Protein backbone atom coordinates (compact mmCIF):
# COMPACT_ATOMS: atom_id res chain seq x y z
CA MET A 1 215.59 156.15 59.95
CA ALA A 2 214.30 156.45 63.50
CA THR A 3 215.40 159.40 65.58
CA GLU A 4 215.22 159.73 69.32
CA VAL A 5 213.13 162.56 70.75
CA GLY A 6 212.45 162.86 74.46
CA GLY A 7 213.79 159.36 75.14
CA PHE A 8 211.63 157.64 72.54
CA ASP A 9 212.70 156.32 69.15
CA ASP A 10 210.46 157.27 66.25
CA PRO A 11 208.78 154.23 64.72
CA SER A 12 209.75 153.17 61.23
CA ALA A 13 207.73 154.33 58.23
CA GLU A 14 206.43 150.77 57.82
CA VAL A 15 205.14 150.63 61.40
CA LEU A 16 203.48 154.03 61.05
CA ALA A 17 201.82 152.97 57.79
CA GLU A 18 200.54 149.75 59.38
CA ALA A 19 199.19 151.66 62.40
CA ALA A 20 197.51 154.23 60.14
CA ALA A 21 195.86 151.45 58.16
CA ALA A 22 194.55 149.80 61.33
CA PHE A 23 193.27 153.11 62.70
CA GLY A 24 191.75 153.82 59.29
CA LEU A 25 189.72 150.63 59.48
CA LEU A 26 188.63 151.47 63.01
CA ALA A 27 187.59 154.96 61.88
CA SER A 28 184.31 153.44 60.70
CA SER A 29 181.82 153.45 63.58
CA ALA A 30 180.31 150.20 62.27
CA ARG A 31 183.68 148.40 62.25
CA LEU A 32 184.59 149.87 65.63
CA HIS A 33 181.29 148.60 67.02
CA ILE A 34 182.01 145.15 65.60
CA VAL A 35 185.49 145.07 67.16
CA TRP A 36 184.01 146.34 70.45
CA ALA A 37 181.41 143.55 70.37
CA LEU A 38 184.04 140.92 69.54
CA ALA A 39 186.25 142.22 72.35
CA GLN A 40 183.44 141.15 74.70
CA GLY A 41 183.32 137.65 73.19
CA GLU A 42 183.26 135.73 69.95
CA SER A 43 180.24 135.69 67.68
CA ASP A 44 179.00 134.63 64.27
CA VAL A 45 177.95 137.17 61.65
CA THR A 46 174.24 136.82 62.46
CA GLY A 47 174.81 137.56 66.15
CA LEU A 48 177.02 140.52 65.29
CA ALA A 49 174.46 141.93 62.85
CA GLU A 50 171.79 141.74 65.55
CA ARG A 51 174.05 143.30 68.18
CA VAL A 52 175.37 146.20 66.09
CA GLY A 53 172.11 146.77 64.22
CA GLY A 54 173.60 146.27 60.77
CA ALA A 55 172.44 144.38 57.72
CA LEU A 56 173.96 140.93 57.43
CA PRO A 57 175.77 141.62 54.10
CA ALA A 58 177.24 144.89 55.43
CA VAL A 59 178.49 143.28 58.64
CA SER A 60 179.96 140.44 56.59
CA GLN A 61 181.84 142.93 54.40
CA HIS A 62 183.15 144.78 57.46
CA LEU A 63 184.33 141.49 58.94
CA THR A 64 186.12 140.63 55.71
CA LYS A 65 188.03 143.93 55.82
CA LEU A 66 188.88 143.52 59.50
CA LYS A 67 190.02 139.97 58.86
CA LEU A 68 192.22 140.94 55.90
CA ALA A 69 193.85 143.59 58.10
CA GLY A 70 194.53 141.01 60.81
CA LEU A 71 192.34 142.76 63.39
CA VAL A 72 189.93 139.83 63.72
CA ARG A 73 190.15 136.12 63.03
CA SER A 74 187.61 133.37 62.49
CA ARG A 75 187.19 129.65 62.82
CA ARG A 76 184.62 127.26 61.48
CA GLU A 77 182.15 125.60 63.86
CA GLY A 78 180.05 123.28 61.75
CA ARG A 79 178.32 125.48 59.21
CA ARG A 80 179.02 128.71 61.13
CA GLN A 81 182.01 131.00 60.90
CA VAL A 82 182.80 132.32 64.40
CA TYR A 83 184.73 135.61 64.63
CA PHE A 84 186.96 136.83 67.46
CA VAL A 85 189.66 139.37 68.23
CA ASP A 86 192.85 137.41 68.80
CA ASP A 87 195.11 140.38 69.55
CA PRO A 88 194.86 141.62 73.15
CA ASP A 89 196.54 144.90 72.15
CA VAL A 90 193.72 145.72 69.70
CA VAL A 91 191.20 144.97 72.46
CA THR A 92 193.13 147.24 74.86
CA VAL A 93 193.24 150.16 72.41
CA VAL A 94 189.53 149.90 71.55
CA ARG A 95 188.46 149.53 75.19
CA LEU A 96 190.67 152.44 76.25
CA MET A 97 189.38 154.82 73.60
CA VAL A 98 185.71 153.89 73.93
CA GLY A 99 185.99 153.88 77.73
CA GLN A 100 187.60 157.34 77.79
CA LEU A 101 184.95 158.78 75.50
CA THR A 102 182.15 157.15 77.50
CA ASP A 103 183.56 158.60 80.73
CA ARG A 104 183.81 162.03 79.11
CA ALA A 105 180.20 161.86 77.93
CA ASP A 106 179.09 160.77 81.41
CA ARG A 107 180.95 163.70 83.00
CA ALA A 108 179.39 166.11 80.51
CA ASP A 109 175.93 164.71 81.31
CA ARG A 110 176.56 165.15 85.05
CA ALA A 111 177.79 168.71 84.49
CA GLU A 112 174.72 169.54 82.40
CA ARG A 113 172.38 168.13 85.05
CA ALA A 114 174.26 170.07 87.74
CA ASP A 115 173.98 173.28 85.70
CA ARG A 116 170.22 172.81 85.45
CA SER A 117 169.86 172.03 89.15
CA GLY A 118 172.25 174.73 90.35
CA LEU A 119 174.40 172.16 92.21
CA PRO A 120 178.18 171.92 91.72
CA ALA A 121 179.23 169.23 89.25
CA GLN A 122 181.70 166.56 90.31
CA GLY A 123 184.19 164.71 88.11
CA THR A 124 183.88 167.00 85.12
CA GLY A 125 187.61 167.34 84.40
CA ARG A 126 188.76 166.87 80.83
CA VAL A 127 191.27 164.29 79.70
CA ARG A 128 194.18 166.13 78.14
CA GLY A 129 194.24 165.57 74.39
CA PHE A 130 190.61 164.40 74.25
CA GLY A 131 188.57 167.41 73.26
CA ALA A 132 188.18 170.96 74.47
């Protein structure tokens, strides 16, 4: 049963379980890289393997898991299977998380360079909830 806290209803146990399963699949850096690549545009398994630097059989297995979870889809083009992310919400979540972490790493790099040069760093604030 959902309860309201702070104006928001708690999601059902089924929704939480489904979200946890999706996040669990994305907890693999290889699968996250594949979803990131597919968020930029569709690709076949060979192109994905080249882009993410994985072995063809491993990338194929990752795609199978992502497909079974409904995070990616595929269609046949002649002899090729072309994969894509059909859910804009999955793309949004992946881009948001990777973008936030990239920005944080960039700020940390700028702060480190500023420390070495003795100049004040700019834009080194932390995103609340994303690290120390």
